[in-house]
Amino acid sequence: MHNRTEIETDQPAQLKEILEPSLESDENVNYQLDIQNNKVVISVDTKKLGTLRACTDNVFRLSMLANKV
């Protein structure tokens, strides 16, 4: 299972720095964060749909929290 989320921002390096410590890969999920133009691109790979859903939800929640900070 794979998901790719692109978040446009004026400060992509700062957003990546905020998100990266909370998005740790392990044997069940693999996160990859990249910067492309004015976007932070977060790729999530998992083996199960439920895990993918939870990880994607986590990405959005952390992004919204970072926006408030």
C-alpha atoms as a PDB file:
ATOM      1  CA  MET A   1       0.000   0.000   0.000  1.00  0.00           C
ATOM      2  CA  HIS A   2       1.319   3.449  -0.861  1.00  0.00           C
ATOM      3  CA  ASN A   3       0.238   7.020  -0.238  1.00  0.00           C
ATOM      4  CA  ARG A   4       1.863  10.233  -1.399  1.00  0.00           C
ATOM      5  CA  THR A   5       0.847  13.532   0.185  1.00  0.00           C
ATOM      6  CA  GLU A   6       2.039  16.899  -1.109  1.00  0.00           C
ATOM      7  CA  ILE A   7       1.745  19.940   1.154  1.00  0.00           C
ATOM      8  CA  GLU A   8       2.392  23.367  -0.335  1.00  0.00           C
ATOM      9  CA  THR A   9       3.997  25.841   2.034  1.00  0.00           C
ATOM     10  CA  ASP A  10       6.080  29.006   2.040  1.00  0.00           C
ATOM     11  CA  GLN A  11       8.656  27.295   4.266  1.00  0.00           C
ATOM     12  CA  PRO A  12       9.002  23.665   3.165  1.00  0.00           C
ATOM     13  CA  ALA A  13      12.341  23.093   4.920  1.00  0.00           C
ATOM     14  CA  GLN A  14      10.874  24.203   8.241  1.00  0.00           C
ATOM     15  CA  LEU A  15       7.798  21.974   7.848  1.00  0.00           C
ATOM     16  CA  LYS A  16       9.976  18.991   6.956  1.00  0.00           C
ATOM     17  CA  GLU A  17      12.124  19.650  10.030  1.00  0.00           C
ATOM     18  CA  ILE A  18       9.011  19.724  12.231  1.00  0.00           C
ATOM     19  CA  LEU A  19       7.433  16.567  10.772  1.00  0.00           C
ATOM     20  CA  GLU A  20      10.473  14.354  10.353  1.00  0.00           C
ATOM     21  CA  PRO A  21      11.123  13.434  14.033  1.00  0.00           C
ATOM     22  CA  SER A  22       7.517  12.256  14.487  1.00  0.00           C
ATOM     23  CA  LEU A  23       7.387  10.158  11.320  1.00  0.00           C
ATOM     24  CA  GLU A  24       9.750   7.301  12.118  1.00  0.00           C
ATOM     25  CA  SER A  25       9.919   4.262   9.886  1.00  0.00           C
ATOM     26  CA  ASP A  26       9.853   0.749  11.311  1.00  0.00           C
ATOM     27  CA  GLU A  27       9.091  -2.803  10.123  1.00  0.00           C
ATOM     28  CA  ASN A  28       5.414  -1.919   9.527  1.00  0.00           C
ATOM     29  CA  VAL A  29       5.677   1.473   7.863  1.00  0.00           C
ATOM     30  CA  ASN A  30       8.201   3.370   5.770  1.00  0.00           C
ATOM     31  CA  TYR A  31       8.072   7.170   5.616  1.00  0.00           C
ATOM     32  CA  GLN A  32      10.013   9.294   3.162  1.00  0.00           C
ATOM     33  CA  LEU A  33      10.000  13.100   3.252  1.00  0.00           C
ATOM     34  CA  ASP A  34      11.316  15.206   0.391  1.00  0.00           C
ATOM     35  CA  ILE A  35      11.170  18.840  -0.635  1.00  0.00           C
ATOM     36  CA  GLN A  36      10.121  19.644  -4.203  1.00  0.00           C
ATOM     37  CA  ASN A  37       9.740  23.301  -5.131  1.00  0.00           C
ATOM     38  CA  ASN A  38       7.470  24.810  -2.438  1.00  0.00           C
ATOM     39  CA  LYS A  39       6.101  21.439  -1.331  1.00  0.00           C
ATOM     40  CA  VAL A  40       6.878  18.852   1.281  1.00  0.00           C
ATOM     41  CA  VAL A  41       6.219  15.436  -0.219  1.00  0.00           C
ATOM     42  CA  ILE A  42       5.492  12.664   2.265  1.00  0.00           C
ATOM     43  CA  SER A  43       5.422   9.093   0.971  1.00  0.00           C
ATOM     44  CA  VAL A  44       4.086   6.286   3.141  1.00  0.00           C
ATOM     45  CA  ASP A  45       4.496   2.593   2.337  1.00  0.00           C
ATOM     46  CA  THR A  46       2.803  -0.139   4.395  1.00  0.00           C
ATOM     47  CA  LYS A  47       1.538  -3.676   3.947  1.00  0.00           C
ATOM     48  CA  LYS A  48      -1.931  -3.156   5.449  1.00  0.00           C
ATOM     49  CA  LEU A  49      -4.717  -0.746   4.567  1.00  0.00           C
ATOM     50  CA  GLY A  50      -5.518   0.070   8.202  1.00  0.00           C
ATOM     51  CA  THR A  51      -1.896   0.995   8.870  1.00  0.00           C
ATOM     52  CA  LEU A  52      -1.818   3.182   5.774  1.00  0.00           C
ATOM     53  CA  ARG A  53      -4.977   4.980   6.887  1.00  0.00           C
ATOM     54  CA  ALA A  54      -3.591   5.615  10.373  1.00  0.00           C
ATOM     55  CA  CYS A  55      -0.245   6.851   9.046  1.00  0.00           C
ATOM     56  CA  THR A  56      -1.870   9.171   6.533  1.00  0.00           C
ATOM     57  CA  ASP A  57      -4.150  10.560   9.237  1.00  0.00           C
ATOM     58  CA  ASN A  58      -1.084  11.106  11.414  1.00  0.00           C
ATOM     59  CA  VAL A  59       0.625  13.078   8.616  1.00  0.00           C
ATOM     60  CA  PHE A  60      -2.383  15.401   8.293  1.00  0.00           C
ATOM     61  CA  ARG A  61      -2.753  15.897  12.056  1.00  0.00           C
ATOM     62  CA  LEU A  62       0.915  16.736  12.496  1.00  0.00           C
ATOM     63  CA  SER A  63       0.823  19.108   9.523  1.00  0.00           C
ATOM     64  CA  MET A  64      -2.167  20.957  10.954  1.00  0.00           C
ATOM     65  CA  LEU A  65      -0.476  21.181  14.347  1.00  0.00           C
ATOM     66  CA  ALA A  66       2.707  22.523  12.733  1.00  0.00           C
ATOM     67  CA  ASN A  67       0.629  25.142  10.954  1.00  0.00           C
ATOM     68  CA  LYS A  68      -0.751  26.360  14.299  1.00  0.00           C
ATOM     69  CA  VAL A  69       2.704  26.577  15.890  1.00  0.00           C
END
